[in-house]
Every structure is written in C-alpha cells, then in structure tokens.
C-alpha atoms as a PDB file:
ATOM      1  CA  UNK A   1      95.738 122.543  94.950  1.00  0.00           C
ATOM      2  CA  UNK A   2      95.199 122.605  91.176  1.00  0.00           C
ATOM      3  CA  UNK A   3      91.843 123.365  89.574  1.00  0.00           C
ATOM      4  CA  UNK A   4      91.612 119.749  88.448  1.00  0.00           C
ATOM      5  CA  UNK A   5      92.076 118.583  92.047  1.00  0.00           C
ATOM      6  CA  UNK A   6      89.473 121.069  93.300  1.00  0.00           C
ATOM      7  CA  UNK A   7      86.941 119.789  90.776  1.00  0.00           C
ATOM      8  CA  UNK A   8      87.569 116.185  91.804  1.00  0.00           C
ATOM      9  CA  UNK A   9      87.283 117.120  95.477  1.00  0.00           C
ATOM     10  CA  UNK A  10      83.922 118.789  94.830  1.00  0.00           C
ATOM     11  CA  UNK A  11      82.817 115.688  92.922  1.00  0.00           C
ATOM     12  CA  UNK A  12      83.659 113.581  95.985  1.00  0.00           C
ATOM     13  CA  UNK A  13      81.808 116.023  98.248  1.00  0.00           C
ATOM     14  CA  UNK A  14      78.712 115.681  96.054  1.00  0.00           C
ATOM     15  CA  UNK A  15      78.833 111.896  96.508  1.00  0.00           C
ATOM     16  CA  UNK A  16      79.163 112.319 100.288  1.00  0.00           C
ATOM     17  CA  UNK A  17      76.249 114.749 100.324  1.00  0.00           C
ATOM     18  CA  UNK A  18      74.139 112.266  98.372  1.00  0.00           C
ATOM     19  CA  UNK A  19      74.750 109.689 101.090  1.00  0.00           C
ATOM     20  CA  UNK A  20      73.629 112.183 103.736  1.00  0.00           C
ATOM     21  CA  UNK A  21      70.416 112.913 101.825  1.00  0.00           C
ATOM     22  CA  UNK A  22      69.840 109.175 101.361  1.00  0.00           C
ATOM     23  CA  UNK A  23      70.086 108.753 105.126  1.00  0.00           C
ATOM     24  CA  UNK A  24      67.522 111.508 105.626  1.00  0.00           C
ATOM     25  CA  UNK A  25      65.081 110.056 103.093  1.00  0.00           C
ATOM     26  CA  UNK A  26      65.262 106.608 104.710  1.00  0.00           C
ATOM     27  CA  UNK A  27      64.623 108.122 108.139  1.00  0.00           C
ATOM     28  CA  UNK A  28      68.095 107.360 109.499  1.00  0.00           C
ATOM     29  CA  UNK A  29      68.671 111.058 110.279  1.00  0.00           C
ATOM     30  CA  UNK A  30      66.038 113.561 111.450  1.00  0.00           C
ATOM     31  CA  UNK A  31      67.066 116.612 109.398  1.00  0.00           C
ATOM     32  CA  UNK A  32      68.077 117.120 105.752  1.00  0.00           C
ATOM     33  CA  UNK A  33      71.639 118.377 105.163  1.00  0.00           C
ATOM     34  CA  UNK A  34      70.428 121.614 103.565  1.00  0.00           C
ATOM     35  CA  UNK A  35      73.261 123.706 105.028  1.00  0.00           C
ATOM     36  CA  UNK A  36      75.836 121.368 103.490  1.00  0.00           C
ATOM     37  CA  UNK A  37      73.985 121.509 100.170  1.00  0.00           C
ATOM     38  CA  UNK A  38      73.946 125.323 100.164  1.00  0.00           C
ATOM     39  CA  UNK A  39      77.652 125.475 101.020  1.00  0.00           C
ATOM     40  CA  UNK A  40      78.495 123.000  98.274  1.00  0.00           C
ATOM     41  CA  UNK A  41      76.377 124.906  95.767  1.00  0.00           C
ATOM     42  CA  UNK A  42      78.404 128.021  96.572  1.00  0.00           C
ATOM     43  CA  UNK A  43      81.643 126.088  95.954  1.00  0.00           C
ATOM     44  CA  UNK A  44      80.372 124.812  92.611  1.00  0.00           C
ATOM     45  CA  UNK A  45      79.457 128.333  91.477  1.00  0.00           C
ATOM     46  CA  UNK A  46      82.780 129.812  92.582  1.00  0.00           C
ATOM     47  CA  UNK A  47      84.723 127.046  90.882  1.00  0.00           C
ATOM     48  CA  UNK A  48      83.524 128.055  87.412  1.00  0.00           C
ATOM     49  CA  UNK A  49      85.639 131.215  87.543  1.00  0.00           C
ATOM     50  CA  UNK A  50      88.807 129.175  88.049  1.00  0.00           C
ATOM     51  CA  UNK A  51      88.295 126.937  85.022  1.00  0.00           C
ATOM     52  CA  UNK A  52      90.675 127.807  82.163  1.00  0.00           C
ATOM     53  CA  UNK A  53      91.536 124.831  79.944  1.00  0.00           C
ATOM     54  CA  UNK A  54      89.236 122.695  77.808  1.00  0.00           C
ATOM     55  CA  UNK A  55      89.957 119.665  79.993  1.00  0.00           C
ATOM     56  CA  UNK A  56      89.034 121.548  83.157  1.00  0.00           C
ATOM     57  CA  UNK A  57      85.850 122.822  81.502  1.00  0.00           C
ATOM     58  CA  UNK A  58      84.849 119.273  80.588  1.00  0.00           C
ATOM     59  CA  UNK A  59      85.388 118.045  84.149  1.00  0.00           C
ATOM     60  CA  UNK A  60      83.595 121.045  85.623  1.00  0.00           C
ATOM     61  CA  UNK A  61      80.552 120.648  83.380  1.00  0.00           C
ATOM     62  CA  UNK A  62      80.338 116.983  84.346  1.00  0.00           C
ATOM     63  CA  UNK A  63      80.402 117.845  88.049  1.00  0.00           C
ATOM     64  CA  UNK A  64      77.944 120.727  87.564  1.00  0.00           C
ATOM     65  CA  UNK A  65      75.463 118.473  85.757  1.00  0.00           C
ATOM     66  CA  UNK A  66      75.810 115.864  88.494  1.00  0.00           C
ATOM     67  CA  UNK A  67      75.137 118.436  91.221  1.00  0.00           C
ATOM     68  CA  UNK A  68      72.145 119.934  89.395  1.00  0.00           C
ATOM     69  CA  UNK A  69      70.615 116.496  88.767  1.00  0.00           C
ATOM     70  CA  UNK A  70      70.985 115.462  92.399  1.00  0.00           C
ATOM     71  CA  UNK A  71      69.706 118.843  93.631  1.00  0.00           C
ATOM     72  CA  UNK A  72      66.493 118.352  91.684  1.00  0.00           C
ATOM     73  CA  UNK A  73      66.043 114.855  93.122  1.00  0.00           C
ATOM     74  CA  UNK A  74      66.758 116.106  96.652  1.00  0.00           C
ATOM     75  CA  UNK A  75      64.194 118.887  96.291  1.00  0.00           C
ATOM     76  CA  UNK A  76      61.529 116.450  95.117  1.00  0.00           C
ATOM     77  CA  UNK A  77      62.463 113.996  97.872  1.00  0.00           C
ATOM     78  CA  UNK A  78      62.185 116.676 100.573  1.00  0.00           C
ATOM     79  CA  UNK A  79      58.762 117.732  99.280  1.00  0.00           C
ATOM     80  CA  UNK A  80      57.556 114.139  99.256  1.00  0.00           C
ATOM     81  CA  UNK A  81      58.847 113.553 102.789  1.00  0.00           C
ATOM     82  CA  UNK A  82      57.227 116.757 104.040  1.00  0.00           C
ATOM     83  CA  UNK A  83      53.899 115.722 102.526  1.00  0.00           C
ATOM     84  CA  UNK A  84      54.210 112.325 104.213  1.00  0.00           C
ATOM     85  CA  UNK A  85      54.804 114.057 107.554  1.00  0.00           C
ATOM     86  CA  UNK A  86      51.215 115.293 107.423  1.00  0.00           C
ATOM     87  CA  UNK A  87      49.836 111.746 107.589  1.00  0.00           C
ATOM     88  CA  UNK A  88      47.847 110.769 110.646  1.00  0.00           C
ATOM     89  CA  UNK A  89      50.180 109.533 113.443  1.00  0.00           C
ATOM     90  CA  UNK A  90      48.506 106.099 113.429  1.00  0.00           C
ATOM     91  CA  UNK A  91      49.155 105.782 109.690  1.00  0.00           C
ATOM     92  CA  UNK A  92      52.812 106.708 110.160  1.00  0.00           C
ATOM     93  CA  UNK A  93      53.128 104.242 113.051  1.00  0.00           C
ATOM     94  CA  UNK A  94      51.619 101.427 110.980  1.00  0.00           C
ATOM     95  CA  UNK A  95      53.984 102.151 108.117  1.00  0.00           C
ATOM     96  CA  UNK A  96      56.938 102.244 110.467  1.00  0.00           C
ATOM     97  CA  UNK A  97      56.002  98.987 112.212  1.00  0.00           C
ATOM     98  CA  UNK A  98      55.472  97.172 108.916  1.00  0.00           C
ATOM     99  CA  UNK A  99      59.031  97.942 107.884  1.00  0.00           C
ATOM    100  CA  UNK A 100      60.721  97.654 111.263  1.00  0.00           C
ATOM    101  CA  UNK A 101      62.908  94.688 112.105  1.00  0.00           C
ATOM    102  CA  UNK A 102      64.975  93.731 115.121  1.00  0.00           C
ATOM    103  CA  UNK A 103      68.682  93.128 114.962  1.00  0.00           C
ATOM    104  CA  UNK A 104      72.027  94.323 116.174  1.00  0.00           C
ATOM    105  CA  UNK A 105      72.021  97.818 117.620  1.00  0.00           C
ATOM    106  CA  UNK A 106      74.064 100.241 119.674  1.00  0.00           C
ATOM    107  CA  UNK A 107      76.977 100.448 117.237  1.00  0.00           C
ATOM    108  CA  UNK A 108      77.562 104.042 118.283  1.00  0.00           C
ATOM    109  CA  UNK A 109      79.465 102.572 121.211  1.00  0.00           C
ATOM    110  CA  UNK A 110      81.380 100.191 118.986  1.00  0.00           C
ATOM    111  CA  UNK A 111      79.447  97.084 120.003  1.00  0.00           C
ATOM    112  CA  UNK A 112      76.238  95.284 119.068  1.00  0.00           C
ATOM    113  CA  UNK A 113      73.379  93.576 120.861  1.00  0.00           C
ATOM    114  CA  UNK A 114      71.081  91.040 119.223  1.00  0.00           C
ATOM    115  CA  UNK A 115      67.396  92.003 119.382  1.00  0.00           C
ATOM    116  CA  UNK A 116      64.707  89.402 119.888  1.00  0.00           C
ATOM    117  CA  UNK A 117      63.003  90.147 116.603  1.00  0.00           C
ATOM    118  CA  UNK A 118      66.172  89.287 114.729  1.00  0.00           C
ATOM    119  CA  UNK A 119      65.625  85.689 115.688  1.00  0.00           C
ATOM    120  CA  UNK A 120      62.463  85.494 113.639  1.00  0.00           C
ATOM    121  CA  UNK A 121      62.565  85.132 109.865  1.00  0.00           C
ATOM    122  CA  UNK A 122      60.282  87.463 107.963  1.00  0.00           C
ATOM    123  CA  UNK A 123      59.723  88.331 104.325  1.00  0.00           C
ATOM    124  CA  UNK A 124      60.203  91.851 103.010  1.00  0.00           C
ATOM    125  CA  UNK A 125      59.630  93.777  99.841  1.00  0.00           C
ATOM    126  CA  UNK A 126      62.612  94.593  97.662  1.00  0.00           C
ATOM    127  CA  UNK A 127      64.441  97.900  97.585  1.00  0.00           C
ATOM    128  CA  UNK A 128      62.913 100.889  95.849  1.00  0.00           C
ATOM    129  CA  UNK A 129      63.638 101.031  92.131  1.00  0.00           C
ATOM    130  CA  UNK A 130      62.929 104.728  91.493  1.00  0.00           C
ATOM    131  CA  UNK A 131      65.736 106.920  90.213  1.00  0.00           C
ATOM    132  CA  UNK A 132      67.695 108.525  92.985  1.00  0.00           C
ATOM    133  CA  UNK A 133      66.003 106.475  95.684  1.00  0.00           C
ATOM    134  CA  UNK A 134      68.303 104.933  98.317  1.00  0.00           C
ATOM    135  CA  UNK A 135      68.103 101.217  99.114  1.00  0.00           C
ATOM    136  CA  UNK A 136      65.856 100.266 102.008  1.00  0.00           C
ATOM    137  CA  UNK A 137      68.536  97.959 103.306  1.00  0.00           C
ATOM    138  CA  UNK A 138      71.724  96.176 102.402  1.00  0.00           C
ATOM    139  CA  UNK A 139      71.401  92.471 101.679  1.00  0.00           C
ATOM    140  CA  UNK A 140      74.460  90.582 102.852  1.00  0.00           C
ATOM    141  CA  UNK A 141      74.891  86.954 101.840  1.00  0.00           C
ATOM    142  CA  UNK A 142      75.590  84.385 104.547  1.00  0.00           C
ATOM    143  CA  UNK A 143      77.115  81.956 102.056  1.00  0.00           C
ATOM    144  CA  UNK A 144      79.538  84.141 100.106  1.00  0.00           C
ATOM    145  CA  UNK A 145      81.499  87.357 100.506  1.00  0.00           C
ATOM    146  CA  UNK A 146      79.911  90.450  98.927  1.00  0.00           C
ATOM    147  CA  UNK A 147      82.449  93.212  99.501  1.00  0.00           C
ATOM    148  CA  UNK A 148      80.586  95.713  97.305  1.00  0.00           C
ATOM    149  CA  UNK A 149      77.424  95.575  99.427  1.00  0.00           C
ATOM    150  CA  UNK A 150      79.477  95.503 102.615  1.00  0.00           C
ATOM    151  CA  UNK A 151      81.510  98.519 101.527  1.00  0.00           C
ATOM    152  CA  UNK A 152      78.316 100.431 100.687  1.00  0.00           C
ATOM    153  CA  UNK A 153      76.863  99.599 104.111  1.00  0.00           C
ATOM    154  CA  UNK A 154      80.088 100.684 105.822  1.00  0.00           C
ATOM    155  CA  UNK A 155      80.341 104.008 103.955  1.00  0.00           C
ATOM    156  CA  UNK A 156      76.729 104.875 104.727  1.00  0.00           C
ATOM    157  CA  UNK A 157      77.244 103.885 108.375  1.00  0.00           C
ATOM    158  CA  UNK A 158      80.263 106.209 108.646  1.00  0.00           C
ATOM    159  CA  UNK A 159      78.356 109.007 106.889  1.00  0.00           C
ATOM    160  CA  UNK A 160      75.529 108.591 109.413  1.00  0.00           C
ATOM    161  CA  UNK A 161      78.027 108.930 112.260  1.00  0.00           C
ATOM    162  CA  UNK A 162      79.431 112.076 110.649  1.00  0.00           C
ATOM    163  CA  UNK A 163      75.902 113.443 110.405  1.00  0.00           C
ATOM    164  CA  UNK A 164      75.311 113.144 114.169  1.00  0.00           C
ATOM    165  CA  UNK A 165      78.854 114.121 115.148  1.00  0.00           C
ATOM    166  CA  UNK A 166      79.890 110.679 116.424  1.00  0.00           C
ATOM    167  CA  UNK A 167      83.672 110.355 116.238  1.00  0.00           C
ATOM    168  CA  UNK A 168      83.806 106.694 117.269  1.00  0.00           C
ATOM    169  CA  UNK A 169      84.232 105.056 113.881  1.00  0.00           C
ATOM    170  CA  UNK A 170      85.408 101.482 113.283  1.00  0.00           C
ATOM    171  CA  UNK A 171      87.807 100.621 110.501  1.00  0.00           C
ATOM    172  CA  UNK A 172      86.368  98.776 107.521  1.00  0.00           C
ATOM    173  CA  UNK A 173      88.089  95.529 108.566  1.00  0.00           C
ATOM    174  CA  UNK A 174      86.700  95.599 112.107  1.00  0.00           C
ATOM    175  CA  UNK A 175      83.270  96.581 110.762  1.00  0.00           C
ATOM    176  CA  UNK A 176      83.331  93.685 108.292  1.00  0.00           C
ATOM    177  CA  UNK A 177      84.309  91.244 111.047  1.00  0.00           C
ATOM    178  CA  UNK A 178      81.473  92.481 113.270  1.00  0.00           C
ATOM    179  CA  UNK A 179      78.935  92.126 110.473  1.00  0.00           C
ATOM    180  CA  UNK A 180      80.244  88.625 109.717  1.00  0.00           C
ATOM    181  CA  UNK A 181      80.004  87.679 113.395  1.00  0.00           C
ATOM    182  CA  UNK A 182      76.391  88.821 113.666  1.00  0.00           C
ATOM    183  CA  UNK A 183      75.532  87.198 110.351  1.00  0.00           C
ATOM    184  CA  UNK A 184      76.932  83.876 111.613  1.00  0.00           C
ATOM    185  CA  UNK A 185      74.937  84.226 114.839  1.00  0.00           C
ATOM    186  CA  UNK A 186      71.702  84.914 112.986  1.00  0.00           C
ATOM    187  CA  UNK A 187      72.307  82.072 110.527  1.00  0.00           C
ATOM    188  CA  UNK A 188      72.846  79.756 113.466  1.00  0.00           C
ATOM    189  CA  UNK A 189      69.406  80.700 114.778  1.00  0.00           C
ATOM    190  CA  UNK A 190      67.566  80.983 111.457  1.00  0.00           C
ATOM    191  CA  UNK A 191      68.585  79.031 108.372  1.00  0.00           C
ATOM    192  CA  UNK A 192      68.855  81.894 105.885  1.00  0.00           C
ATOM    193  CA  UNK A 193      70.944  82.721 102.820  1.00  0.00           C
ATOM    194  CA  UNK A 194      70.721  86.512 103.146  1.00  0.00           C
ATOM    195  CA  UNK A 195      70.405  89.093 105.906  1.00  0.00           C
ATOM    196  CA  UNK A 196      69.070  92.615 105.517  1.00  0.00           C
ATOM    197  CA  UNK A 197      71.010  95.279 107.407  1.00  0.00           C
ATOM    198  CA  UNK A 198      69.471  98.718 107.901  1.00  0.00           C
ATOM    199  CA  UNK A 199      70.905 101.861 109.491  1.00  0.00           C
ATOM    200  CA  UNK A 200      68.998 103.904 112.060  1.00  0.00           C
ATOM    201  CA  UNK A 201      69.824 107.151 113.846  1.00  0.00           C
ATOM    202  CA  UNK A 202      68.174 108.310 117.068  1.00  0.00           C
ATOM    203  CA  UNK A 203      69.255 110.668 119.838  1.00  0.00           C
ATOM    204  CA  UNK A 204      72.582 111.288 118.067  1.00  0.00           C
ATOM    205  CA  UNK A 205      73.354 107.565 118.104  1.00  0.00           C
ATOM    206  CA  UNK A 206      73.693 105.384 115.040  1.00  0.00           C
ATOM    207  CA  UNK A 207      72.683 101.737 115.105  1.00  0.00           C
ATOM    208  CA  UNK A 208      72.314  98.865 112.671  1.00  0.00           C
ATOM    209  CA  UNK A 209      69.438  96.393 112.692  1.00  0.00           C
ATOM    210  CA  UNK A 210      69.377  93.070 110.920  1.00  0.00           C
ATOM    211  CA  UNK A 211      66.622  90.827 109.588  1.00  0.00           C
ATOM    212  CA  UNK A 212      67.139  87.318 108.191  1.00  0.00           C
ATOM    213  CA  UNK A 213      65.692  86.372 104.815  1.00  0.00           C
ATOM    214  CA  UNK A 214      64.705  82.793 104.059  1.00  0.00           C
END
C-alpha cells in the first residue's frame, strides 16, 4: 500500500469514527468509541514519518487537521454528555419521553415491527444546528426519493451494528426497500409527507423507530 493510499484509508477511518461518536452522542450506543479514537490517533502520528513528497504532505496535513478538529468536538461532546448524566433521573426520563417516538424496531434480526405510537402523528423540533452535532433523525419523504438521506441513514445503521458487533447487515437495496415499505404503511395510516427515522441501540441490538410528520 502506498503512502497516498494509507492517508486516504485513515481519512475514511476518521469519517467512520465520526459516525460512531455521533451514535454515542445521540444515545444510540452506550459507550464512546475512545479505544478506536486512541488507536486512530496513533496511526495518524505514525503516518507523518512516512510522508515524503509535497503532495503526500498536503494530503497528510488535511487529514491531520480533520482529525484534530473532530477530536476537539468529541472531547467537548463527551464532557457535555457526562455533565448531563448528573441530571436527576426524573429530568432525564422527561427529556427522553419528550423525544421518544414509536415506529419500526427489531432490525437487528433483519425484520421490523410497527409500534403503536407510529400510528399517531406528532410534531417535533428540527435537527440540531450546532457544528459537529449529529442529526436527531433522518427525514425521509413519502412523496419523492431522497437517496442522500436514505444513504446517510443506512451508513449510520450499519455503523451502529458494527459498534455492537452485530454481523447481520442488510444490503443497501434491501434496506431501502424495507424503509419504503414501512413508509408506505405509515402513510396509509397517517397522511404525511415526511417520516422521521431514528436509530436506537439497546442490549447489543440495533433498531429503527419512525414518526410521521404532518
């Protein structure tokens, strides 16, 4: 593997690690991927000694800046989450219930079951706008195809499965068909133009919940 290829591989690993931290910050996974971050930091530091040409140095500096910027955001995010963990249990429960929504679940077994709450339309606040903050959910249109949002949902879903060690992973096509099927079912029950899909992880199982938007 050339140095250029190693740099690009590390760049891809940084993106994957960002997804894992996003899952942690949204509560989809119980623990932050600190071990993966430390291992990747070691790779980034070792890589600098392999860089020779001007082109390689440019690529390396770009990847290094990206890793350092994300590392700072991850550190701040972990501190914020730890501070929030000290809230009174009733306050945490109220916050959780206000954002919870029913929907399709049990995708760790490759299937999905419609929850009762998914049959009720409810408003929600928009996704967080702060820098480095992950989206609260993925809004999928019921009237048109949005492959970008669907692809983002799929990649995060697969990353969540990797995080808990679940090897049962659907292909993108089968995942897209399942999402479309559930979207059609929800639209048939509630006349809505968009559906919010959110990923959850509990007991080493990853699930997706959906909420219709009027």
